[in-house]
Amino acid sequence: MTELFLVPPGTTVNAKGDGSPLELGNTANRLYLLNLVISSIVEQEALDVSVYGSSDGAAWGPKPLLSFPQKFYRGEHPLLLDLTALPEIRFLRAHWDVNRWGRGSEIPMFQFHLSLKEVPRDLLQEAASETRARA
């Protein structure tokens, strides 16, 4: 499983923005594990991260394919993205919004990255088999 990045490690943001488009290529499986890793923050701030899809890398859908719950703390936050019903999606792009409140500087600061790994089909079949065996 090759790890790709929608937001590269060490990215520091102070305002809302977008990552670079990432071409998915021809993958056999359209299920991905996204991992949002927040490595540095200041207190009293929030980070919202979503992922948008495109067929051509230029026109992006009006609604995100996936949105992480709002984050306030450092840590790792995995989420699955299933594109099996959306074969036209060939590109992904991250979008983030930041917010800060309270005392001190009003400028938010987050250091984070967002990685993407394809979930192998055999791993899915194994997990499904284990789930059926437990039931």
N, C-alpha and C. Protein backbone atom coordinates (compact mmCIF):
# COMPACT_ATOMS: atom_id res chain seq x y z
N MET A 1 0.84 -1.18 0.00
CA MET A 1 0.00 0.00 0.00
C MET A 1 0.88 1.24 0.00
N THR A 2 0.81 2.00 -1.04
CA THR A 2 1.57 3.24 -1.14
C THR A 2 0.79 4.35 -0.46
N GLU A 3 1.49 5.12 0.36
CA GLU A 3 0.86 6.26 1.03
C GLU A 3 1.05 7.50 0.17
N LEU A 4 -0.05 8.16 -0.15
CA LEU A 4 -0.04 9.40 -0.90
C LEU A 4 -0.52 10.52 0.03
N PHE A 5 -0.24 11.76 -0.34
CA PHE A 5 -0.60 12.86 0.55
C PHE A 5 -1.48 13.89 -0.16
N LEU A 6 -2.64 14.15 0.43
CA LEU A 6 -3.50 15.25 -0.01
C LEU A 6 -2.99 16.56 0.58
N VAL A 7 -2.41 16.49 1.77
CA VAL A 7 -1.71 17.61 2.40
C VAL A 7 -0.39 17.03 2.90
N PRO A 8 0.75 17.53 2.41
CA PRO A 8 2.04 16.93 2.76
C PRO A 8 2.42 17.15 4.23
N PRO A 9 3.24 16.25 4.78
CA PRO A 9 3.71 16.40 6.16
C PRO A 9 4.42 17.74 6.35
N GLY A 10 4.24 18.33 7.54
CA GLY A 10 4.89 19.59 7.86
C GLY A 10 4.15 20.81 7.38
N THR A 11 2.96 20.64 6.80
CA THR A 11 2.19 21.79 6.32
C THR A 11 1.67 22.59 7.51
N THR A 12 1.94 23.89 7.51
CA THR A 12 1.44 24.79 8.54
C THR A 12 0.48 25.77 7.88
N VAL A 13 -0.71 25.92 8.48
CA VAL A 13 -1.72 26.82 7.91
C VAL A 13 -2.18 27.82 8.96
N ASN A 14 -2.52 29.03 8.48
CA ASN A 14 -3.05 30.09 9.32
C ASN A 14 -4.39 30.60 8.81
N ALA A 15 -4.82 30.09 7.66
CA ALA A 15 -6.07 30.53 7.04
C ALA A 15 -6.65 29.38 6.23
N LYS A 16 -7.88 29.55 5.78
CA LYS A 16 -8.49 28.49 4.99
C LYS A 16 -7.72 28.32 3.68
N GLY A 17 -7.82 27.12 3.11
CA GLY A 17 -7.10 26.88 1.87
C GLY A 17 -7.43 25.53 1.28
N ASP A 18 -6.74 25.23 0.17
CA ASP A 18 -6.92 23.99 -0.56
C ASP A 18 -5.57 23.35 -0.84
N GLY A 19 -5.55 22.03 -0.81
CA GLY A 19 -4.36 21.30 -1.20
C GLY A 19 -4.28 21.18 -2.72
N SER A 20 -3.20 20.64 -3.20
CA SER A 20 -3.04 20.40 -4.63
C SER A 20 -3.87 19.18 -5.05
N PRO A 21 -4.38 19.17 -6.27
CA PRO A 21 -5.12 18.00 -6.75
C PRO A 21 -4.22 16.76 -6.79
N LEU A 22 -4.78 15.64 -6.40
CA LEU A 22 -4.07 14.37 -6.41
C LEU A 22 -4.79 13.43 -7.36
N GLU A 23 -4.08 12.96 -8.40
CA GLU A 23 -4.68 12.02 -9.35
C GLU A 23 -4.64 10.62 -8.77
N LEU A 24 -5.78 9.95 -8.78
CA LEU A 24 -5.88 8.61 -8.23
C LEU A 24 -5.34 7.55 -9.17
N GLY A 25 -5.41 7.80 -10.47
CA GLY A 25 -4.95 6.80 -11.42
C GLY A 25 -5.94 5.66 -11.54
N ASN A 26 -5.48 4.55 -12.09
CA ASN A 26 -6.34 3.38 -12.27
C ASN A 26 -6.13 2.42 -11.12
N THR A 27 -6.93 2.56 -10.09
CA THR A 27 -6.83 1.66 -8.95
C THR A 27 -7.90 0.59 -9.06
N ALA A 28 -7.54 -0.61 -8.67
CA ALA A 28 -8.48 -1.73 -8.75
C ALA A 28 -9.60 -1.58 -7.73
N ASN A 29 -9.25 -1.08 -6.57
CA ASN A 29 -10.21 -0.91 -5.50
C ASN A 29 -10.43 0.57 -5.28
N ARG A 30 -11.64 0.97 -5.00
CA ARG A 30 -11.95 2.39 -4.84
C ARG A 30 -12.28 2.73 -3.38
N LEU A 31 -11.68 2.01 -2.45
CA LEU A 31 -11.86 2.28 -1.03
C LEU A 31 -10.53 2.74 -0.47
N TYR A 32 -10.54 3.88 0.22
CA TYR A 32 -9.31 4.49 0.71
C TYR A 32 -9.40 4.79 2.19
N LEU A 33 -8.28 4.67 2.86
CA LEU A 33 -8.15 5.08 4.24
C LEU A 33 -7.45 6.43 4.26
N LEU A 34 -8.16 7.44 4.75
CA LEU A 34 -7.57 8.76 4.91
C LEU A 34 -7.17 8.91 6.37
N ASN A 35 -6.01 9.51 6.60
CA ASN A 35 -5.54 9.70 7.96
C ASN A 35 -5.12 11.16 8.14
N LEU A 36 -5.89 11.88 8.93
CA LEU A 36 -5.60 13.27 9.27
C LEU A 36 -4.74 13.26 10.53
N VAL A 37 -3.53 13.81 10.43
CA VAL A 37 -2.61 13.86 11.57
C VAL A 37 -2.34 15.32 11.90
N ILE A 38 -2.78 15.73 13.08
CA ILE A 38 -2.54 17.09 13.56
C ILE A 38 -1.36 17.01 14.52
N SER A 39 -0.25 17.66 14.16
CA SER A 39 0.97 17.54 14.96
C SER A 39 1.25 18.76 15.83
N SER A 40 0.65 19.91 15.51
CA SER A 40 0.90 21.10 16.31
C SER A 40 -0.29 22.05 16.19
N ILE A 41 -0.67 22.64 17.33
CA ILE A 41 -1.77 23.59 17.36
C ILE A 41 -1.49 24.61 18.47
N VAL A 42 -2.32 25.65 18.52
CA VAL A 42 -2.36 26.53 19.69
C VAL A 42 -3.75 26.36 20.30
N GLU A 43 -3.93 26.82 21.53
CA GLU A 43 -5.21 26.60 22.20
C GLU A 43 -6.32 27.46 21.62
N GLN A 44 -7.53 27.06 21.87
CA GLN A 44 -8.75 27.76 21.47
C GLN A 44 -8.83 28.00 19.95
N GLU A 45 -8.75 26.92 19.22
CA GLU A 45 -8.90 27.00 17.77
C GLU A 45 -9.51 25.71 17.25
N ALA A 46 -10.04 25.76 16.03
CA ALA A 46 -10.69 24.61 15.42
C ALA A 46 -10.24 24.45 13.97
N LEU A 47 -10.16 23.19 13.54
CA LEU A 47 -9.78 22.84 12.17
C LEU A 47 -10.88 21.99 11.56
N ASP A 48 -11.33 22.39 10.37
CA ASP A 48 -12.30 21.61 9.60
C ASP A 48 -11.63 21.20 8.30
N VAL A 49 -11.62 19.89 8.02
CA VAL A 49 -10.99 19.36 6.81
C VAL A 49 -12.01 18.55 6.04
N SER A 50 -12.10 18.80 4.73
CA SER A 50 -12.97 18.03 3.84
C SER A 50 -12.21 17.64 2.59
N VAL A 51 -12.76 16.67 1.88
CA VAL A 51 -12.14 16.17 0.66
C VAL A 51 -13.16 16.27 -0.47
N TYR A 52 -12.72 16.90 -1.58
CA TYR A 52 -13.56 17.09 -2.76
C TYR A 52 -13.05 16.21 -3.89
N GLY A 53 -13.96 15.86 -4.80
CA GLY A 53 -13.61 15.02 -5.94
C GLY A 53 -13.84 15.73 -7.25
N SER A 54 -13.11 15.27 -8.29
CA SER A 54 -13.22 15.84 -9.62
C SER A 54 -12.93 14.77 -10.66
N SER A 55 -13.54 14.91 -11.82
CA SER A 55 -13.25 13.97 -12.92
C SER A 55 -12.07 14.45 -13.76
N ASP A 56 -11.79 15.76 -13.73
CA ASP A 56 -10.74 16.31 -14.59
C ASP A 56 -9.64 17.08 -13.86
N GLY A 57 -9.77 17.26 -12.54
CA GLY A 57 -8.77 18.00 -11.78
C GLY A 57 -8.93 19.50 -11.85
N ALA A 58 -9.99 19.97 -12.54
CA ALA A 58 -10.21 21.42 -12.67
C ALA A 58 -11.55 21.84 -12.07
N ALA A 59 -12.61 21.09 -12.37
CA ALA A 59 -13.95 21.40 -11.84
C ALA A 59 -14.23 20.49 -10.65
N TRP A 60 -14.51 21.10 -9.50
CA TRP A 60 -14.71 20.34 -8.26
C TRP A 60 -16.17 20.38 -7.87
N GLY A 61 -16.65 19.29 -7.31
CA GLY A 61 -18.05 19.20 -6.90
C GLY A 61 -18.41 20.26 -5.87
N PRO A 62 -19.71 20.62 -5.79
CA PRO A 62 -20.14 21.65 -4.85
C PRO A 62 -20.14 21.18 -3.39
N LYS A 63 -20.22 19.87 -3.20
CA LYS A 63 -20.25 19.30 -1.85
C LYS A 63 -19.05 18.37 -1.67
N PRO A 64 -18.51 18.31 -0.45
CA PRO A 64 -17.39 17.39 -0.23
C PRO A 64 -17.83 15.93 -0.29
N LEU A 65 -16.89 15.07 -0.69
CA LEU A 65 -17.13 13.63 -0.67
C LEU A 65 -17.09 13.12 0.76
N LEU A 66 -16.32 13.81 1.59
CA LEU A 66 -16.09 13.39 2.96
C LEU A 66 -15.67 14.60 3.78
N SER A 67 -16.14 14.67 5.02
CA SER A 67 -15.71 15.72 5.94
C SER A 67 -15.35 15.09 7.27
N PHE A 68 -14.20 15.46 7.78
CA PHE A 68 -13.80 15.03 9.12
C PHE A 68 -14.60 15.83 10.14
N PRO A 69 -14.94 15.23 11.28
CA PRO A 69 -15.53 16.04 12.34
C PRO A 69 -14.55 17.15 12.75
N GLN A 70 -15.08 18.28 13.20
CA GLN A 70 -14.23 19.41 13.59
C GLN A 70 -13.23 18.97 14.65
N LYS A 71 -11.98 19.43 14.50
CA LYS A 71 -10.89 19.01 15.39
C LYS A 71 -10.35 20.20 16.17
N PHE A 72 -10.00 19.93 17.45
CA PHE A 72 -9.48 20.96 18.36
C PHE A 72 -8.13 20.57 18.96
N TYR A 73 -7.70 19.32 18.78
CA TYR A 73 -6.52 18.80 19.47
C TYR A 73 -5.60 18.05 18.51
N ARG A 74 -4.36 17.85 18.96
CA ARG A 74 -3.42 17.03 18.19
C ARG A 74 -3.89 15.58 18.21
N GLY A 75 -3.43 14.82 17.22
CA GLY A 75 -3.75 13.40 17.18
C GLY A 75 -3.93 12.90 15.76
N GLU A 76 -4.23 11.59 15.66
CA GLU A 76 -4.48 10.93 14.38
C GLU A 76 -5.97 10.62 14.28
N HIS A 77 -6.51 10.88 13.10
CA HIS A 77 -7.94 10.73 12.90
C HIS A 77 -8.19 10.02 11.57
N PRO A 78 -8.38 8.68 11.59
CA PRO A 78 -8.62 7.93 10.34
C PRO A 78 -10.09 7.97 9.93
N LEU A 79 -10.32 7.89 8.63
CA LEU A 79 -11.66 7.87 8.08
C LEU A 79 -11.62 7.15 6.73
N LEU A 80 -12.65 6.33 6.44
CA LEU A 80 -12.72 5.62 5.16
C LEU A 80 -13.45 6.46 4.11
N LEU A 81 -12.95 6.41 2.90
CA LEU A 81 -13.58 7.07 1.76
C LEU A 81 -13.87 5.99 0.72
N ASP A 82 -15.15 5.77 0.44
CA ASP A 82 -15.58 4.74 -0.51
C ASP A 82 -16.02 5.42 -1.81
N LEU A 83 -15.26 5.19 -2.87
CA LEU A 83 -15.57 5.78 -4.17
C LEU A 83 -16.08 4.74 -5.17
N THR A 84 -16.48 3.56 -4.70
CA THR A 84 -16.91 2.51 -5.62
C THR A 84 -18.13 2.93 -6.44
N ALA A 85 -19.00 3.75 -5.89
CA ALA A 85 -20.19 4.19 -6.62
C ALA A 85 -19.93 5.46 -7.45
N LEU A 86 -18.69 5.95 -7.42
CA LEU A 86 -18.35 7.18 -8.15
C LEU A 86 -17.14 6.95 -9.06
N PRO A 87 -17.30 6.13 -10.10
CA PRO A 87 -16.16 5.80 -10.96
C PRO A 87 -15.61 7.00 -11.73
N GLU A 88 -16.40 8.07 -11.85
CA GLU A 88 -15.94 9.25 -12.58
C GLU A 88 -14.91 10.08 -11.81
N ILE A 89 -14.82 9.88 -10.50
CA ILE A 89 -13.87 10.64 -9.68
C ILE A 89 -12.46 10.12 -9.94
N ARG A 90 -11.61 10.99 -10.48
CA ARG A 90 -10.21 10.63 -10.77
C ARG A 90 -9.21 11.47 -9.99
N PHE A 91 -9.71 12.56 -9.38
CA PHE A 91 -8.84 13.46 -8.62
C PHE A 91 -9.48 13.77 -7.27
N LEU A 92 -8.65 13.94 -6.26
CA LEU A 92 -9.09 14.38 -4.94
C LEU A 92 -8.31 15.62 -4.55
N ARG A 93 -8.94 16.45 -3.72
CA ARG A 93 -8.28 17.65 -3.21
C ARG A 93 -8.80 17.91 -1.80
N ALA A 94 -7.91 18.26 -0.88
CA ALA A 94 -8.30 18.61 0.48
C ALA A 94 -8.64 20.10 0.56
N HIS A 95 -9.58 20.42 1.42
CA HIS A 95 -9.92 21.80 1.73
C HIS A 95 -9.95 21.92 3.25
N TRP A 96 -9.46 23.04 3.78
CA TRP A 96 -9.50 23.24 5.23
C TRP A 96 -9.96 24.65 5.55
N ASP A 97 -10.62 24.74 6.71
CA ASP A 97 -11.01 26.01 7.31
C ASP A 97 -10.46 26.02 8.73
N VAL A 98 -10.00 27.17 9.18
CA VAL A 98 -9.48 27.31 10.54
C VAL A 98 -10.20 28.44 11.25
N ASN A 99 -10.29 28.34 12.56
CA ASN A 99 -10.97 29.34 13.36
C ASN A 99 -10.25 29.46 14.70
N ARG A 100 -10.15 30.67 15.21
CA ARG A 100 -9.51 30.89 16.51
C ARG A 100 -10.35 31.88 17.30
N TRP A 101 -10.40 31.69 18.62
CA TRP A 101 -11.17 32.57 19.49
C TRP A 101 -10.41 32.72 20.81
N GLY A 102 -10.91 33.56 21.69
CA GLY A 102 -10.31 33.71 23.02
C GLY A 102 -9.26 34.79 23.07
N ARG A 103 -8.39 34.69 24.09
CA ARG A 103 -7.36 35.70 24.32
C ARG A 103 -6.13 35.46 23.45
N GLY A 104 -5.30 36.48 23.37
CA GLY A 104 -4.05 36.35 22.62
C GLY A 104 -4.26 36.62 21.14
N SER A 105 -3.34 36.13 20.36
CA SER A 105 -3.38 36.34 18.91
C SER A 105 -4.64 35.73 18.32
N GLU A 106 -5.21 36.42 17.37
CA GLU A 106 -6.40 35.91 16.69
C GLU A 106 -6.05 35.06 15.48
N ILE A 107 -4.77 34.89 15.21
CA ILE A 107 -4.34 34.12 14.05
C ILE A 107 -4.23 32.65 14.43
N PRO A 108 -5.01 31.78 13.78
CA PRO A 108 -4.91 30.34 14.08
C PRO A 108 -3.62 29.76 13.50
N MET A 109 -3.19 28.61 14.04
CA MET A 109 -2.00 27.93 13.54
C MET A 109 -2.20 26.43 13.74
N PHE A 110 -2.20 25.72 12.64
CA PHE A 110 -2.25 24.26 12.67
C PHE A 110 -1.13 23.72 11.82
N GLN A 111 -0.48 22.68 12.31
CA GLN A 111 0.46 21.93 11.49
C GLN A 111 -0.14 20.52 11.37
N PHE A 112 -0.37 20.10 10.13
CA PHE A 112 -1.04 18.81 9.93
C PHE A 112 -0.68 18.24 8.57
N HIS A 113 -1.04 16.98 8.38
CA HIS A 113 -0.99 16.38 7.05
C HIS A 113 -2.16 15.42 6.89
N LEU A 114 -2.46 15.12 5.64
CA LEU A 114 -3.56 14.22 5.32
C LEU A 114 -3.07 13.20 4.30
N SER A 115 -3.02 11.94 4.74
CA SER A 115 -2.53 10.88 3.86
C SER A 115 -3.69 10.03 3.36
N LEU A 116 -3.39 9.28 2.31
CA LEU A 116 -4.38 8.46 1.62
C LEU A 116 -3.71 7.14 1.27
N LYS A 117 -4.37 6.03 1.64
CA LYS A 117 -3.90 4.70 1.27
C LYS A 117 -5.07 3.91 0.72
N GLU A 118 -4.80 3.19 -0.35
CA GLU A 118 -5.82 2.30 -0.89
C GLU A 118 -5.95 1.10 0.04
N VAL A 119 -7.20 0.70 0.33
CA VAL A 119 -7.45 -0.47 1.17
C VAL A 119 -7.51 -1.67 0.24
N PRO A 120 -6.60 -2.64 0.40
CA PRO A 120 -6.58 -3.81 -0.49
C PRO A 120 -7.86 -4.63 -0.39
N ARG A 121 -8.30 -5.12 -1.53
CA ARG A 121 -9.53 -5.91 -1.61
C ARG A 121 -9.47 -7.16 -0.71
N ASP A 122 -8.31 -7.83 -0.66
CA ASP A 122 -8.21 -9.05 0.17
C ASP A 122 -8.34 -8.72 1.66
N LEU A 123 -7.89 -7.54 2.08
CA LEU A 123 -8.03 -7.12 3.47
C LEU A 123 -9.51 -6.90 3.80
N LEU A 124 -10.25 -6.34 2.86
CA LEU A 124 -11.69 -6.15 3.06
C LEU A 124 -12.41 -7.49 3.17
N GLN A 125 -12.05 -8.43 2.30
CA GLN A 125 -12.68 -9.75 2.34
C GLN A 125 -12.37 -10.46 3.66
N GLU A 126 -11.14 -10.33 4.13
CA GLU A 126 -10.75 -10.95 5.40
C GLU A 126 -11.54 -10.34 6.56
N ALA A 127 -11.69 -9.03 6.57
CA ALA A 127 -12.44 -8.35 7.63
C ALA A 127 -13.91 -8.76 7.60
N ALA A 128 -14.48 -8.87 6.39
CA ALA A 128 -15.87 -9.29 6.26
C ALA A 128 -16.07 -10.72 6.75
N SER A 129 -15.11 -11.60 6.46
CA SER A 129 -15.17 -13.00 6.90
C SER A 129 -15.13 -13.07 8.42
N GLU A 130 -14.24 -12.30 9.04
CA GLU A 130 -14.14 -12.28 10.50
C GLU A 130 -15.40 -11.76 11.13
N THR A 131 -16.01 -10.76 10.52
CA THR A 131 -17.25 -10.20 11.05
C THR A 131 -18.38 -11.23 10.99
N ARG A 132 -18.47 -11.94 9.86
CA ARG A 132 -19.52 -12.98 9.74
C ARG A 132 -19.27 -14.11 10.73
N ALA A 133 -18.01 -14.46 10.97
CA ALA A 133 -17.70 -15.55 11.89
C ALA A 133 -18.10 -15.21 13.33
N ARG A 134 -18.00 -13.95 13.69
CA ARG A 134 -18.35 -13.50 15.04
C ARG A 134 -19.85 -13.44 15.25
N ALA A 135 -20.60 -13.27 14.17
CA ALA A 135 -22.06 -13.10 14.30
C ALA A 135 -22.78 -14.39 14.57
